[in-house]
Amino acid sequence: MSNNFNETMKFEASKENINEAKKIIFTVYNALKEKGYDPINQIIGYILSGDPTYITSYKDARSLVRKIERDELLEEILSNYLEKENEF
């Protein structure tokens, strides 16, 4: 890791995990919603803390979400959001 704050670091997530991340996000979202949780708040709690107990074990959602890294989940969510918002 560089200590030069004048240079921009480059981050690249694995492309092969992008489709898997998308499937997992929607599966987790739907499982949380079905159980009566606010899926957005629960997923944010998981991404920020890394604590899998923010995700229900219903429909194996907790195990699924732990299969991919949190940065990959965040990248998929942000990419999807920005692509949709950029359509205006």
PDB file of N, CA and C in Angstrom:
ATOM      1  N   MET A   1       0.840  -1.186   0.000  1.00  0.00           N
ATOM      2  CA  MET A   1       0.000   0.000   0.000  1.00  0.00           C
ATOM      3  C   MET A   1       0.879   1.241   0.000  1.00  0.00           C
ATOM      4  N   SER A   2       0.559   2.147  -0.870  1.00  0.00           N
ATOM      5  CA  SER A   2       1.349   3.361  -1.025  1.00  0.00           C
ATOM      6  C   SER A   2       0.945   4.399   0.018  1.00  0.00           C
ATOM      7  N   ASN A   3       1.940   5.122   0.510  1.00  0.00           N
ATOM      8  CA  ASN A   3       1.667   6.206   1.453  1.00  0.00           C
ATOM      9  C   ASN A   3       1.613   7.554   0.754  1.00  0.00           C
ATOM     10  N   ASN A   4       1.684   7.559  -0.569  1.00  0.00           N
ATOM     11  CA  ASN A   4       1.633   8.793  -1.335  1.00  0.00           C
ATOM     12  C   ASN A   4       0.171   9.165  -1.564  1.00  0.00           C
ATOM     13  N   PHE A   5      -0.318  10.165  -0.862  1.00  0.00           N
ATOM     14  CA  PHE A   5      -1.722  10.557  -0.937  1.00  0.00           C
ATOM     15  C   PHE A   5      -2.024  11.401  -2.177  1.00  0.00           C
ATOM     16  N   ASN A   6      -1.021  11.677  -2.988  1.00  0.00           N
ATOM     17  CA  ASN A   6      -1.228  12.436  -4.215  1.00  0.00           C
ATOM     18  C   ASN A   6      -1.574  11.541  -5.399  1.00  0.00           C
ATOM     19  N   GLU A   7      -1.433  10.245  -5.231  1.00  0.00           N
ATOM     20  CA  GLU A   7      -1.737   9.302  -6.298  1.00  0.00           C
ATOM     21  C   GLU A   7      -3.055   8.597  -5.999  1.00  0.00           C
ATOM     22  N   THR A   8      -3.811   8.318  -7.045  1.00  0.00           N
ATOM     23  CA  THR A   8      -5.070   7.607  -6.901  1.00  0.00           C
ATOM     24  C   THR A   8      -4.814   6.112  -6.986  1.00  0.00           C
ATOM     25  N   MET A   9      -5.278   5.390  -5.988  1.00  0.00           N
ATOM     26  CA  MET A   9      -5.147   3.934  -6.007  1.00  0.00           C
ATOM     27  C   MET A   9      -6.231   3.374  -6.915  1.00  0.00           C
ATOM     28  N   LYS A  10      -5.964   2.251  -7.526  1.00  0.00           N
ATOM     29  CA  LYS A  10      -6.924   1.624  -8.420  1.00  0.00           C
ATOM     30  C   LYS A  10      -7.412   0.332  -7.785  1.00  0.00           C
ATOM     31  N   PHE A  11      -8.733   0.159  -7.795  1.00  0.00           N
ATOM     32  CA  PHE A  11      -9.349  -1.034  -7.235  1.00  0.00           C
ATOM     33  C   PHE A  11     -10.111  -1.738  -8.344  1.00  0.00           C
ATOM     34  N   GLU A  12      -9.913  -3.037  -8.469  1.00  0.00           N
ATOM     35  CA  GLU A  12     -10.648  -3.807  -9.462  1.00  0.00           C
ATOM     36  C   GLU A  12     -11.139  -5.095  -8.814  1.00  0.00           C
ATOM     37  N   ALA A  13     -12.444  -5.274  -8.863  1.00  0.00           N
ATOM     38  CA  ALA A  13     -13.031  -6.513  -8.344  1.00  0.00           C
ATOM     39  C   ALA A  13     -13.058  -7.546  -9.452  1.00  0.00           C
ATOM     40  N   SER A  14     -13.091  -8.777  -9.062  1.00  0.00           N
ATOM     41  CA  SER A  14     -13.133  -9.880 -10.015  1.00  0.00           C
ATOM     42  C   SER A  14     -14.446  -9.874 -10.785  1.00  0.00           C
ATOM     43  N   LYS A  15     -14.367  -9.904 -12.112  1.00  0.00           N
ATOM     44  CA  LYS A  15     -15.566  -9.871 -12.963  1.00  0.00           C
ATOM     45  C   LYS A  15     -16.390 -11.140 -12.814  1.00  0.00           C
ATOM     46  N   GLU A  16     -15.746 -12.257 -12.514  1.00  0.00           N
ATOM     47  CA  GLU A  16     -16.482 -13.521 -12.408  1.00  0.00           C
ATOM     48  C   GLU A  16     -17.428 -13.542 -11.214  1.00  0.00           C
ATOM     49  N   ASN A  17     -17.157 -12.740 -10.213  1.00  0.00           N
ATOM     50  CA  ASN A  17     -18.010 -12.721  -9.023  1.00  0.00           C
ATOM     51  C   ASN A  17     -19.159 -11.718  -9.121  1.00  0.00           C
ATOM     52  N   ILE A  18     -19.175 -10.881 -10.164  1.00  0.00           N
ATOM     53  CA  ILE A  18     -20.191  -9.847 -10.278  1.00  0.00           C
ATOM     54  C   ILE A  18     -21.588 -10.450 -10.424  1.00  0.00           C
ATOM     55  N   ASN A  19     -21.767 -11.399 -11.328  1.00  0.00           N
ATOM     56  CA  ASN A  19     -23.084 -12.010 -11.513  1.00  0.00           C
ATOM     57  C   ASN A  19     -23.519 -12.772 -10.264  1.00  0.00           C
ATOM     58  N   GLU A  20     -22.585 -13.449  -9.617  1.00  0.00           N
ATOM     59  CA  GLU A  20     -22.910 -14.165  -8.388  1.00  0.00           C
ATOM     60  C   GLU A  20     -23.326 -13.177  -7.301  1.00  0.00           C
ATOM     61  N   ALA A  21     -22.638 -12.052  -7.218  1.00  0.00           N
ATOM     62  CA  ALA A  21     -22.976 -11.032  -6.223  1.00  0.00           C
ATOM     63  C   ALA A  21     -24.391 -10.526  -6.442  1.00  0.00           C
ATOM     64  N   LYS A  22     -24.755 -10.298  -7.684  1.00  0.00           N
ATOM     65  CA  LYS A  22     -26.092  -9.794  -8.001  1.00  0.00           C
ATOM     66  C   LYS A  22     -27.164 -10.788  -7.559  1.00  0.00           C
ATOM     67  N   LYS A  23     -26.961 -12.059  -7.850  1.00  0.00           N
ATOM     68  CA  LYS A  23     -27.920 -13.095  -7.450  1.00  0.00           C
ATOM     69  C   LYS A  23     -28.042 -13.163  -5.933  1.00  0.00           C
ATOM     70  N   ILE A  24     -26.915 -13.099  -5.271  1.00  0.00           N
ATOM     71  CA  ILE A  24     -26.907 -13.185  -3.810  1.00  0.00           C
ATOM     72  C   ILE A  24     -27.604 -11.977  -3.195  1.00  0.00           C
ATOM     73  N   ILE A  25     -27.344 -10.796  -3.704  1.00  0.00           N
ATOM     74  CA  ILE A  25     -27.991  -9.590  -3.169  1.00  0.00           C
ATOM     75  C   ILE A  25     -29.504  -9.713  -3.243  1.00  0.00           C
ATOM     76  N   PHE A  26     -30.016 -10.140  -4.390  1.00  0.00           N
ATOM     77  CA  PHE A  26     -31.467 -10.252  -4.537  1.00  0.00           C
ATOM     78  C   PHE A  26     -32.049 -11.375  -3.688  1.00  0.00           C
ATOM     79  N   THR A  27     -31.330 -12.467  -3.551  1.00  0.00           N
ATOM     80  CA  THR A  27     -31.795 -13.566  -2.697  1.00  0.00           C
ATOM     81  C   THR A  27     -31.861 -13.116  -1.246  1.00  0.00           C
ATOM     82  N   VAL A  28     -30.814 -12.451  -0.789  1.00  0.00           N
ATOM     83  CA  VAL A  28     -30.752 -11.951   0.587  1.00  0.00           C
ATOM     84  C   VAL A  28     -31.829 -10.897   0.812  1.00  0.00           C
ATOM     85  N   TYR A  29     -31.962  -9.978  -0.122  1.00  0.00           N
ATOM     86  CA  TYR A  29     -32.974  -8.929  -0.032  1.00  0.00           C
ATOM     87  C   TYR A  29     -34.364  -9.537   0.141  1.00  0.00           C
ATOM     88  N   ASN A  30     -34.705 -10.492  -0.716  1.00  0.00           N
ATOM     89  CA  ASN A  30     -36.032 -11.116  -0.662  1.00  0.00           C
ATOM     90  C   ASN A  30     -36.251 -11.911   0.620  1.00  0.00           C
ATOM     91  N   ALA A  31     -35.231 -12.607   1.090  1.00  0.00           N
ATOM     92  CA  ALA A  31     -35.349 -13.370   2.339  1.00  0.00           C
ATOM     93  C   ALA A  31     -35.590 -12.423   3.519  1.00  0.00           C
ATOM     94  N   LEU A  32     -34.855 -11.324   3.564  1.00  0.00           N
ATOM     95  CA  LEU A  32     -35.036 -10.345   4.644  1.00  0.00           C
ATOM     96  C   LEU A  32     -36.436  -9.739   4.599  1.00  0.00           C
ATOM     97  N   LYS A  33     -36.883  -9.401   3.411  1.00  0.00           N
ATOM     98  CA  LYS A  33     -38.206  -8.800   3.242  1.00  0.00           C
ATOM     99  C   LYS A  33     -39.307  -9.778   3.678  1.00  0.00           C
ATOM    100  N   GLU A  34     -39.177 -11.039   3.268  1.00  0.00           N
ATOM    101  CA  GLU A  34     -40.164 -12.057   3.637  1.00  0.00           C
ATOM    102  C   GLU A  34     -40.245 -12.257   5.150  1.00  0.00           C
ATOM    103  N   LYS A  35     -39.130 -12.089   5.831  1.00  0.00           N
ATOM    104  CA  LYS A  35     -39.108 -12.260   7.287  1.00  0.00           C
ATOM    105  C   LYS A  35     -39.517 -10.993   8.033  1.00  0.00           C
ATOM    106  N   GLY A  36     -39.809  -9.913   7.303  1.00  0.00           N
ATOM    107  CA  GLY A  36     -40.303  -8.696   7.932  1.00  0.00           C
ATOM    108  C   GLY A  36     -39.234  -7.684   8.316  1.00  0.00           C
ATOM    109  N   TYR A  37     -37.998  -7.894   7.883  1.00  0.00           N
ATOM    110  CA  TYR A  37     -36.922  -6.942   8.165  1.00  0.00           C
ATOM    111  C   TYR A  37     -36.888  -5.865   7.087  1.00  0.00           C
ATOM    112  N   ASP A  38     -36.254  -4.747   7.395  1.00  0.00           N
ATOM    113  CA  ASP A  38     -35.973  -3.723   6.388  1.00  0.00           C
ATOM    114  C   ASP A  38     -34.683  -4.167   5.691  1.00  0.00           C
ATOM    115  N   PRO A  39     -34.788  -4.709   4.473  1.00  0.00           N
ATOM    116  CA  PRO A  39     -33.610  -5.286   3.820  1.00  0.00           C
ATOM    117  C   PRO A  39     -32.476  -4.298   3.599  1.00  0.00           C
ATOM    118  N   ILE A  40     -32.804  -3.055   3.289  1.00  0.00           N
ATOM    119  CA  ILE A  40     -31.758  -2.057   3.045  1.00  0.00           C
ATOM    120  C   ILE A  40     -30.925  -1.836   4.310  1.00  0.00           C
ATOM    121  N   ASN A  41     -31.590  -1.608   5.428  1.00  0.00           N
ATOM    122  CA  ASN A  41     -30.867  -1.389   6.686  1.00  0.00           C
ATOM    123  C   ASN A  41     -30.057  -2.604   7.095  1.00  0.00           C
ATOM    124  N   GLN A  42     -30.606  -3.780   6.918  1.00  0.00           N
ATOM    125  CA  GLN A  42     -29.900  -4.999   7.319  1.00  0.00           C
ATOM    126  C   GLN A  42     -28.662  -5.225   6.456  1.00  0.00           C
ATOM    127  N   ILE A  43     -28.794  -5.014   5.153  1.00  0.00           N
ATOM    128  CA  ILE A  43     -27.642  -5.212   4.259  1.00  0.00           C
ATOM    129  C   ILE A  43     -26.567  -4.166   4.543  1.00  0.00           C
ATOM    130  N   ILE A  44     -26.978  -2.929   4.785  1.00  0.00           N
ATOM    131  CA  ILE A  44     -26.007  -1.887   5.139  1.00  0.00           C
ATOM    132  C   ILE A  44     -25.291  -2.271   6.433  1.00  0.00           C
ATOM    133  N   GLY A  45     -26.031  -2.734   7.423  1.00  0.00           N
ATOM    134  CA  GLY A  45     -25.417  -3.171   8.679  1.00  0.00           C
ATOM    135  C   GLY A  45     -24.375  -4.243   8.456  1.00  0.00           C
ATOM    136  N   TYR A  46     -24.689  -5.191   7.594  1.00  0.00           N
ATOM    137  CA  TYR A  46     -23.742  -6.266   7.285  1.00  0.00           C
ATOM    138  C   TYR A  46     -22.506  -5.724   6.568  1.00  0.00           C
ATOM    139  N   ILE A  47     -22.715  -4.903   5.552  1.00  0.00           N
ATOM    140  CA  ILE A  47     -21.576  -4.387   4.788  1.00  0.00           C
ATOM    141  C   ILE A  47     -20.656  -3.545   5.674  1.00  0.00           C
ATOM    142  N   LEU A  48     -21.225  -2.700   6.517  1.00  0.00           N
ATOM    143  CA  LEU A  48     -20.402  -1.826   7.362  1.00  0.00           C
ATOM    144  C   LEU A  48     -19.684  -2.578   8.477  1.00  0.00           C
ATOM    145  N   SER A  49     -20.352  -3.550   9.072  1.00  0.00           N
ATOM    146  CA  SER A  49     -19.786  -4.214  10.248  1.00  0.00           C
ATOM    147  C   SER A  49     -19.102  -5.545   9.942  1.00  0.00           C
ATOM    148  N   GLY A  50     -19.563  -6.217   8.900  1.00  0.00           N
ATOM    149  CA  GLY A  50     -19.064  -7.566   8.620  1.00  0.00           C
ATOM    150  C   GLY A  50     -19.731  -8.616   9.476  1.00  0.00           C
ATOM    151  N   ASP A  51     -20.681  -8.211  10.290  1.00  0.00           N
ATOM    152  CA  ASP A  51     -21.374  -9.137  11.194  1.00  0.00           C
ATOM    153  C   ASP A  51     -22.505  -9.834  10.437  1.00  0.00           C
ATOM    154  N   PRO A  52     -22.381 -11.134  10.200  1.00  0.00           N
ATOM    155  CA  PRO A  52     -23.391 -11.850   9.418  1.00  0.00           C
ATOM    156  C   PRO A  52     -24.742 -11.987  10.111  1.00  0.00           C
ATOM    157  N   THR A  53     -24.812 -11.666  11.397  1.00  0.00           N
ATOM    158  CA  THR A  53     -26.100 -11.787  12.084  1.00  0.00           C
ATOM    159  C   THR A  53     -27.089 -10.699  11.657  1.00  0.00           C
ATOM    160  N   TYR A  54     -26.631  -9.726  10.872  1.00  0.00           N
ATOM    161  CA  TYR A  54     -27.566  -8.757  10.290  1.00  0.00           C
ATOM    162  C   TYR A  54     -28.420  -9.417   9.203  1.00  0.00           C
ATOM    163  N   ILE A  55     -27.967 -10.563   8.715  1.00  0.00           N
ATOM    164  CA  ILE A  55     -28.657 -11.278   7.640  1.00  0.00           C
ATOM    165  C   ILE A  55     -29.347 -12.502   8.216  1.00  0.00           C
ATOM    166  N   THR A  56     -30.605 -12.676   7.851  1.00  0.00           N
ATOM    167  CA  THR A  56     -31.373 -13.819   8.325  1.00  0.00           C
ATOM    168  C   THR A  56     -30.805 -15.126   7.777  1.00  0.00           C
ATOM    169  N   SER A  57     -30.994 -16.181   8.524  1.00  0.00           N
ATOM    170  CA  SER A  57     -30.585 -17.501   8.028  1.00  0.00           C
ATOM    171  C   SER A  57     -31.693 -18.131   7.185  1.00  0.00           C
ATOM    172  N   TYR A  58     -32.850 -17.466   7.134  1.00  0.00           N
ATOM    173  CA  TYR A  58     -33.987 -17.930   6.335  1.00  0.00           C
ATOM    174  C   TYR A  58     -33.565 -18.060   4.866  1.00  0.00           C
ATOM    175  N   LYS A  59     -33.932 -19.149   4.259  1.00  0.00           N
ATOM    176  CA  LYS A  59     -33.585 -19.459   2.866  1.00  0.00           C
ATOM    177  C   LYS A  59     -32.075 -19.449   2.631  1.00  0.00           C
ATOM    178  N   ASP A  60     -31.331 -19.758   3.686  1.00  0.00           N
ATOM    179  CA  ASP A  60     -29.872 -19.861   3.619  1.00  0.00           C
ATOM    180  C   ASP A  60     -29.188 -18.547   3.232  1.00  0.00           C
ATOM    181  N   ALA A  61     -29.876 -17.419   3.467  1.00  0.00           N
ATOM    182  CA  ALA A  61     -29.354 -16.110   3.061  1.00  0.00           C
ATOM    183  C   ALA A  61     -28.029 -15.779   3.745  1.00  0.00           C
ATOM    184  N   ARG A  62     -27.895 -16.112   5.017  1.00  0.00           N
ATOM    185  CA  ARG A  62     -26.667 -15.782   5.745  1.00  0.00           C
ATOM    186  C   ARG A  62     -25.469 -16.538   5.171  1.00  0.00           C
ATOM    187  N   SER A  63     -25.663 -17.790   4.852  1.00  0.00           N
ATOM    188  CA  SER A  63     -24.572 -18.572   4.249  1.00  0.00           C
ATOM    189  C   SER A  63     -24.222 -18.049   2.865  1.00  0.00           C
ATOM    190  N   LEU A  64     -25.239 -17.685   2.106  1.00  0.00           N
ATOM    191  CA  LEU A  64     -25.001 -17.165   0.759  1.00  0.00           C
ATOM    192  C   LEU A  64     -24.202 -15.874   0.780  1.00  0.00           C
ATOM    193  N   VAL A  65     -24.596 -14.943   1.646  1.00  0.00           N
ATOM    194  CA  VAL A  65     -23.943 -13.640   1.657  1.00  0.00           C
ATOM    195  C   VAL A  65     -22.475 -13.756   2.078  1.00  0.00           C
ATOM    196  N   ARG A  66     -22.143 -14.791   2.822  1.00  0.00           N
ATOM    197  CA  ARG A  66     -20.761 -14.968   3.272  1.00  0.00           C
ATOM    198  C   ARG A  66     -19.880 -15.608   2.202  1.00  0.00           C
ATOM    199  N   LYS A  67     -20.470 -16.020   1.087  1.00  0.00           N
ATOM    200  CA  LYS A  67     -19.704 -16.643   0.004  1.00  0.00           C
ATOM    201  C   LYS A  67     -18.893 -15.630  -0.800  1.00  0.00           C
ATOM    202  N   ILE A  68     -19.284 -14.363  -0.725  1.00  0.00           N
ATOM    203  CA  ILE A  68     -18.554 -13.339  -1.470  1.00  0.00           C
ATOM    204  C   ILE A  68     -18.121 -12.231  -0.520  1.00  0.00           C
ATOM    205  N   GLU A  69     -17.119 -11.519  -0.937  1.00  0.00           N
ATOM    206  CA  GLU A  69     -16.565 -10.456  -0.103  1.00  0.00           C
ATOM    207  C   GLU A  69     -17.523  -9.264  -0.054  1.00  0.00           C
ATOM    208  N   ARG A  70     -17.485  -8.542   1.047  1.00  0.00           N
ATOM    209  CA  ARG A  70     -18.362  -7.371   1.202  1.00  0.00           C
ATOM    210  C   ARG A  70     -18.068  -6.302   0.159  1.00  0.00           C
ATOM    211  N   ASP A  71     -16.801  -6.153  -0.234  1.00  0.00           N
ATOM    212  CA  ASP A  71     -16.478  -5.148  -1.253  1.00  0.00           C
ATOM    213  C   ASP A  71     -17.110  -5.502  -2.597  1.00  0.00           C
ATOM    214  N   GLU A  72     -17.265  -6.786  -2.883  1.00  0.00           N
ATOM    215  CA  GLU A  72     -17.923  -7.201  -4.120  1.00  0.00           C
ATOM    216  C   GLU A  72     -19.421  -6.898  -4.073  1.00  0.00           C
ATOM    217  N   LEU A  73     -20.019  -7.093  -2.910  1.00  0.00           N
ATOM    218  CA  LEU A  73     -21.434  -6.717  -2.746  1.00  0.00           C
ATOM    219  C   LEU A  73     -21.608  -5.218  -2.949  1.00  0.00           C
ATOM    220  N   LEU A  74     -20.755  -4.447  -2.317  1.00  0.00           N
ATOM    221  CA  LEU A  74     -20.831  -2.998  -2.415  1.00  0.00           C
ATOM    222  C   LEU A  74     -20.607  -2.524  -3.844  1.00  0.00           C
ATOM    223  N   GLU A  75     -19.660  -3.127  -4.538  1.00  0.00           N
ATOM    224  CA  GLU A  75     -19.398  -2.744  -5.921  1.00  0.00           C
ATOM    225  C   GLU A  75     -20.627  -3.006  -6.795  1.00  0.00           C
ATOM    226  N   GLU A  76     -21.258  -4.142  -6.629  1.00  0.00           N
ATOM    227  CA  GLU A  76     -22.439  -4.471  -7.427  1.00  0.00           C
ATOM    228  C   GLU A  76     -23.580  -3.498  -7.144  1.00  0.00           C
ATOM    229  N   ILE A  77     -23.809  -3.200  -5.882  1.00  0.00           N
ATOM    230  CA  ILE A  77     -24.888  -2.274  -5.511  1.00  0.00           C
ATOM    231  C   ILE A  77     -24.607  -0.888  -6.077  1.00  0.00           C
ATOM    232  N   LEU A  78     -23.407  -0.385  -5.900  1.00  0.00           N
ATOM    233  CA  LEU A  78     -23.050   0.951  -6.369  1.00  0.00           C
ATOM    234  C   LEU A  78     -23.087   1.030  -7.890  1.00  0.00           C
ATOM    235  N   SER A  79     -22.560   0.036  -8.566  1.00  0.00           N
ATOM    236  CA  SER A  79     -22.568   0.022 -10.031  1.00  0.00           C
ATOM    237  C   SER A  79     -23.991   0.056 -10.562  1.00  0.00           C
ATOM    238  N   ASN A  80     -24.840  -0.772  -9.994  1.00  0.00           N
ATOM    239  CA  ASN A  80     -26.225  -0.835 -10.429  1.00  0.00           C
ATOM    240  C   ASN A  80     -26.922   0.498 -10.197  1.00  0.00           C
ATOM    241  N   TYR A  81     -26.709   1.091  -9.044  1.00  0.00           N
ATOM    242  CA  TYR A  81     -27.321   2.385  -8.712  1.00  0.00           C
ATOM    243  C   TYR A  81     -26.866   3.472  -9.685  1.00  0.00           C
ATOM    244  N   LEU A  82     -25.565   3.579  -9.890  1.00  0.00           N
ATOM    245  CA  LEU A  82     -25.037   4.639 -10.740  1.00  0.00           C
ATOM    246  C   LEU A  82     -25.454   4.473 -12.195  1.00  0.00           C
ATOM    247  N   GLU A  83     -25.526   3.251 -12.664  1.00  0.00           N
ATOM    248  CA  GLU A  83     -25.983   3.014 -14.040  1.00  0.00           C
ATOM    249  C   GLU A  83     -27.426   3.467 -14.226  1.00  0.00           C
ATOM    250  N   LYS A  84     -28.269   3.192 -13.255  1.00  0.00           N
ATOM    251  CA  LYS A  84     -29.672   3.587 -13.331  1.00  0.00           C
ATOM    252  C   LYS A  84     -29.840   5.096 -13.176  1.00  0.00           C
ATOM    253  N   GLU A  85     -29.096   5.709 -12.278  1.00  0.00           N
ATOM    254  CA  GLU A  85     -29.201   7.148 -12.035  1.00  0.00           C
ATOM    255  C   GLU A  85     -28.617   7.951 -13.190  1.00  0.00           C
ATOM    256  N   ASN A  86     -27.708   7.372 -13.933  1.00  0.00           N
ATOM    257  CA  ASN A  86     -27.065   8.073 -15.035  1.00  0.00           C
ATOM    258  C   ASN A  86     -27.948   8.103 -16.278  1.00  0.00           C
ATOM    259  N   GLU A  87     -29.119   7.491 -16.218  1.00  0.00           N
ATOM    260  CA  GLU A  87     -30.015   7.426 -17.371  1.00  0.00           C
ATOM    261  C   GLU A  87     -30.824   8.690 -17.565  1.00  0.00           C
ATOM    262  N   PHE A  88     -30.806   9.614 -16.620  1.00  0.00           N
ATOM    263  CA  PHE A  88     -31.621  10.824 -16.748  1.00  0.00           C
ATOM    264  C   PHE A  88     -30.990  11.733 -17.701  1.00  0.00           C
TER     265      PHE A  88
END
